[in-house]
Protein backbone atom coordinates (compact mmCIF):
# COMPACT_ATOMS: atom_id res chain seq x y z
CA MET A 1 -7.97 -17.11 -13.91
CA LYS A 2 -8.12 -14.07 -11.63
CA ARG A 3 -6.31 -16.00 -8.88
CA THR A 4 -3.49 -16.88 -11.30
CA GLY A 5 -3.08 -13.26 -12.39
CA LEU A 6 -2.79 -12.05 -8.80
CA LEU A 7 -0.20 -14.70 -7.93
CA ALA A 8 1.84 -13.69 -10.98
CA LEU A 9 1.81 -10.10 -9.81
CA VAL A 10 2.93 -11.13 -6.32
CA ALA A 11 5.76 -13.17 -7.85
CA LEU A 12 7.01 -10.06 -9.61
CA LEU A 13 7.07 -8.27 -6.27
CA SER A 14 9.23 -10.84 -4.51
CA GLY A 15 12.69 -9.52 -3.77
CA CYS A 16 11.62 -5.86 -3.92
CA THR A 17 8.71 -5.62 -1.47
CA SER A 18 8.32 -8.05 1.43
CA SER A 19 5.74 -6.13 3.48
CA VAL A 20 3.87 -2.83 3.46
CA GLU A 21 2.63 -0.90 6.50
CA CYS A 22 -0.85 0.56 6.00
CA ASP A 23 -3.10 2.89 7.96
CA VAL A 24 -6.73 1.79 7.61
CA LEU A 25 -9.95 3.65 8.42
CA ARG A 26 -13.35 2.04 7.93
CA LEU A 27 -16.78 3.43 8.71
CA HIS A 28 -19.85 1.33 8.10
CA ALA A 29 -23.56 0.96 8.69
CA LEU A 30 -24.28 -2.25 6.80
CA PRO A 31 -25.31 -5.75 7.82
CA PRO A 32 -22.82 -8.64 7.47
CA PRO A 33 -22.53 -9.70 3.79
CA SER A 34 -24.85 -12.56 2.84
CA GLY A 35 -24.45 -13.01 -0.90
CA GLU A 36 -25.61 -9.57 -2.02
CA THR A 37 -24.64 -8.69 -5.58
CA ILE A 38 -22.05 -5.93 -5.88
CA ALA A 39 -20.30 -4.18 -8.76
CA VAL A 40 -16.85 -2.57 -8.50
CA VAL A 41 -16.96 0.74 -10.36
CA ALA A 42 -14.55 3.63 -10.73
CA ASP A 43 -15.31 6.78 -8.79
CA ARG A 44 -13.71 8.91 -11.52
CA ALA A 45 -13.25 9.04 -15.29
CA ASP A 46 -10.69 6.20 -15.64
CA GLY A 47 -13.20 3.36 -15.29
CA ALA A 48 -12.33 2.05 -18.76
CA SER A 49 -8.56 1.96 -18.15
CA LEU A 50 -6.60 -1.28 -18.07
CA GLU A 51 -5.05 -0.18 -14.78
CA PHE A 52 -8.45 0.06 -13.12
CA ALA A 53 -9.49 -3.28 -14.62
CA SER A 54 -6.57 -5.00 -12.87
CA TYR A 55 -7.42 -3.37 -9.54
CA ARG A 56 -11.11 -4.25 -9.97
CA GLN A 57 -10.22 -7.95 -10.20
CA MET A 58 -8.30 -7.79 -6.91
CA ILE A 59 -11.21 -6.03 -5.17
CA GLU A 60 -13.79 -8.44 -6.60
CA MET A 61 -11.82 -11.39 -5.22
CA LYS A 62 -11.74 -9.84 -1.76
CA LEU A 63 -15.45 -8.92 -1.86
CA GLN A 64 -16.28 -12.50 -2.78
CA SER A 65 -14.10 -13.83 0.06
CA VAL A 66 -16.04 -11.77 2.64
CA GLY A 67 -19.48 -12.86 1.40
CA TYR A 68 -20.55 -10.68 -1.54
CA LYS A 69 -21.28 -11.79 -5.11
CA PRO A 70 -19.42 -9.59 -7.65
CA VAL A 71 -21.38 -9.00 -10.85
CA PRO A 72 -21.14 -6.52 -13.77
CA ALA A 73 -22.38 -2.98 -13.25
CA GLY A 74 -26.10 -2.65 -14.00
CA ASN A 75 -26.96 -6.00 -12.42
CA ALA A 76 -25.91 -5.30 -8.84
CA LEU A 77 -27.76 -4.36 -5.68
CA LEU A 78 -24.64 -2.53 -4.41
CA GLN A 79 -21.75 -0.59 -5.89
CA ALA A 80 -18.19 -0.46 -4.55
CA ARG A 81 -17.07 2.96 -5.78
CA THR A 82 -13.28 2.91 -6.00
CA SER A 83 -10.59 5.59 -6.33
CA TYR A 84 -6.85 5.63 -5.77
CA SER A 85 -3.91 8.01 -5.89
CA VAL A 86 -0.17 8.38 -5.38
CA GLU A 87 1.43 11.70 -4.43
CA ARG A 88 4.89 12.95 -3.50
CA ALA A 89 5.26 13.23 0.27
CA PRO A 90 7.89 15.11 2.31
CA ASP A 91 11.35 13.54 1.93
CA ARG A 92 12.55 11.04 4.48
CA ILE A 93 15.51 12.65 6.26
CA SER A 94 18.27 10.51 7.76
CA THR A 95 21.26 11.90 9.67
CA TYR A 96 24.60 10.15 9.79
CA TYR A 97 27.84 10.93 11.62
CA PRO A 98 31.16 10.09 9.96
CA VAL A 99 33.07 7.19 11.47
CA CYS A 100 36.27 7.91 13.38
CA SER A 101 39.45 6.67 11.72
CA HIS A 102 43.24 6.56 11.98
CA HIS A 103 45.55 8.84 10.03
CA TYR A 104 47.90 6.86 7.82
CA TYR A 105 51.16 8.30 6.48
CA PHE A 106 52.84 7.54 3.20
CA VAL A 107 56.47 6.70 4.01
CA ARG A 108 59.07 5.18 1.66
CA GLY A 109 56.52 3.97 -0.87
CA ARG A 110 53.94 2.51 1.51
CA TRP A 111 51.22 3.51 3.93
CA VAL A 112 52.28 3.44 7.57
CA LEU A 113 50.19 3.67 10.77
CA PRO A 114 52.43 4.95 13.56
CA SER A 115 51.94 3.26 16.93
CA TRP A 116 51.34 6.62 18.59
CA ASN A 117 48.55 7.56 16.16
CA ARG A 118 45.06 8.06 17.61
CA TYR A 119 41.61 8.15 16.08
CA ASP A 120 40.48 11.36 14.45
CA CYS A 121 36.75 12.09 14.40
CA TRP A 122 34.57 14.56 12.57
CA ASN A 123 31.73 16.10 14.56
CA TRP A 124 29.49 17.51 11.82
CA PRO A 125 26.42 15.47 10.71
CA VAL A 126 25.72 14.31 7.17
CA GLU A 127 22.07 14.60 6.08
CA GLU A 128 20.54 12.33 3.47
CA ARG A 129 17.14 12.98 1.86
CA THR A 130 15.17 10.13 0.29
CA PRO A 131 12.04 10.76 -1.82
CA GLN A 132 8.92 9.04 -0.51
CA TYR A 133 5.30 8.81 -1.64
CA SER A 134 1.83 8.65 -0.15
CA ARG A 135 -0.30 5.87 -1.72
CA GLU A 136 -4.07 5.75 -1.05
CA LEU A 137 -7.02 3.50 -1.86
CA ARG A 138 -10.65 4.55 -1.22
CA ILE A 139 -13.73 2.33 -1.47
CA ASP A 140 -17.29 3.45 -0.74
CA ILE A 141 -20.17 0.96 -0.85
CA VAL A 142 -23.56 2.42 -1.80
CA ARG A 143 -26.89 1.09 -3.04
CA SER A 144 -27.00 1.03 -6.86
CA ALA A 145 -30.48 2.50 -6.80
CA ASP A 146 -29.24 5.48 -4.80
CA PRO A 147 -25.54 6.07 -5.70
CA ALA A 148 -25.64 9.68 -4.48
CA GLY A 149 -27.29 8.75 -1.17
CA ALA A 150 -25.95 7.59 2.17
CA HIS A 151 -22.87 5.40 2.11
CA LEU A 152 -23.12 1.97 3.70
CA PHE A 153 -19.35 1.60 3.95
CA GLU A 154 -16.41 3.97 3.63
CA GLY A 155 -12.88 2.58 3.57
CA ARG A 156 -9.58 4.44 3.40
CA VAL A 157 -6.12 2.85 3.22
CA LYS A 158 -2.98 4.98 3.23
CA SER A 159 0.64 3.90 2.99
CA LEU A 160 3.86 5.89 3.00
CA GLY A 161 6.81 4.39 1.13
CA LEU A 162 9.72 4.84 -1.24
CA SER A 163 7.94 3.61 -4.38
CA ASP A 164 5.50 5.58 -6.52
CA ARG A 165 4.63 2.46 -8.54
CA LEU A 166 1.04 2.11 -7.43
CA SER A 167 0.51 -1.16 -9.31
CA GLU A 168 3.16 -2.82 -7.13
CA VAL A 169 1.66 -1.56 -3.87
CA MET A 170 -2.05 -1.95 -4.70
CA PRO A 171 -2.31 -5.68 -3.77
CA TYR A 172 -1.14 -4.73 -0.27
CA LEU A 173 -3.59 -1.83 0.00
CA VAL A 174 -6.50 -4.02 -1.13
CA THR A 175 -5.54 -6.75 1.33
CA ALA A 176 -5.35 -4.21 4.16
CA MET A 177 -8.80 -2.84 3.24
CA PHE A 178 -10.43 -6.26 3.62
CA THR A 179 -8.48 -7.62 6.59
CA SER A 180 -11.07 -8.43 9.31
CA PHE A 181 -13.76 -6.82 7.15
CA PRO A 182 -15.76 -4.72 7.88
CA GLY A 183 -13.61 -3.93 10.91
CA GLU A 184 -14.15 -1.56 13.81
CA SER A 185 -16.11 1.44 12.58
CA GLY A 186 -14.55 4.89 12.91
CA SER A 187 -11.10 3.87 14.13
CA TRP A 188 -7.75 4.14 12.34
CA LYS A 189 -5.74 0.91 12.53
CA THR A 190 -2.14 0.32 11.47
CA VAL A 191 -1.58 -3.08 9.86
CA THR A 192 1.46 -4.61 8.20
CA ILE A 193 0.65 -6.72 5.15
CA SER A 194 3.13 -9.40 4.06
CA GLU A 195 3.51 -11.16 0.71
CA ASP A 196 1.91 -14.30 2.17
CA GLN A 197 -1.23 -12.35 3.09
CA VAL A 198 -1.43 -10.84 -0.40
CA ALA A 199 -1.23 -14.28 -2.01
CA ALA A 200 -3.92 -15.76 0.27
CA PRO A 201 -7.35 -16.32 -1.29
């Protein structure tokens, strides 16, 4: 059921997002997963929202694929405390230079290009600004019995792009978080996540 929902979401993305580049930081001090129970919970007040529920399903699938056993909150040895955000980032600035062209002349009812005519060029640049957004996913794994204590895992995924529709980008952020989990501790890595990787179990 969860698998079907994720594939449907990926299908909606086809044609508009083929890959997403992500910067990933993971810090951890936990043994390799071996079937420990874990609950995905919100790290802020929107834990009851439908948006969070859809993200929780994605994260639960990935946690299960790396060796954990997702269970409801209250029955878990561990908690995966999750938060996410999207914010306006500085505009992307592109500079273009006008293309050189001939001068045509309107003579006797038609446009004429004299054989002696040369190209004319304009030397000033044209600047184009495109809005872009910073999208972020954060997951901290802690012991349920000590949620305010030391973290066993801290994961951060950031992506800069033209879309502020977090629901469309989240499958890519979640996939990046769990690629080669738990990963090298304390090192930022840049990974590019494709649609095929998002659809993989």
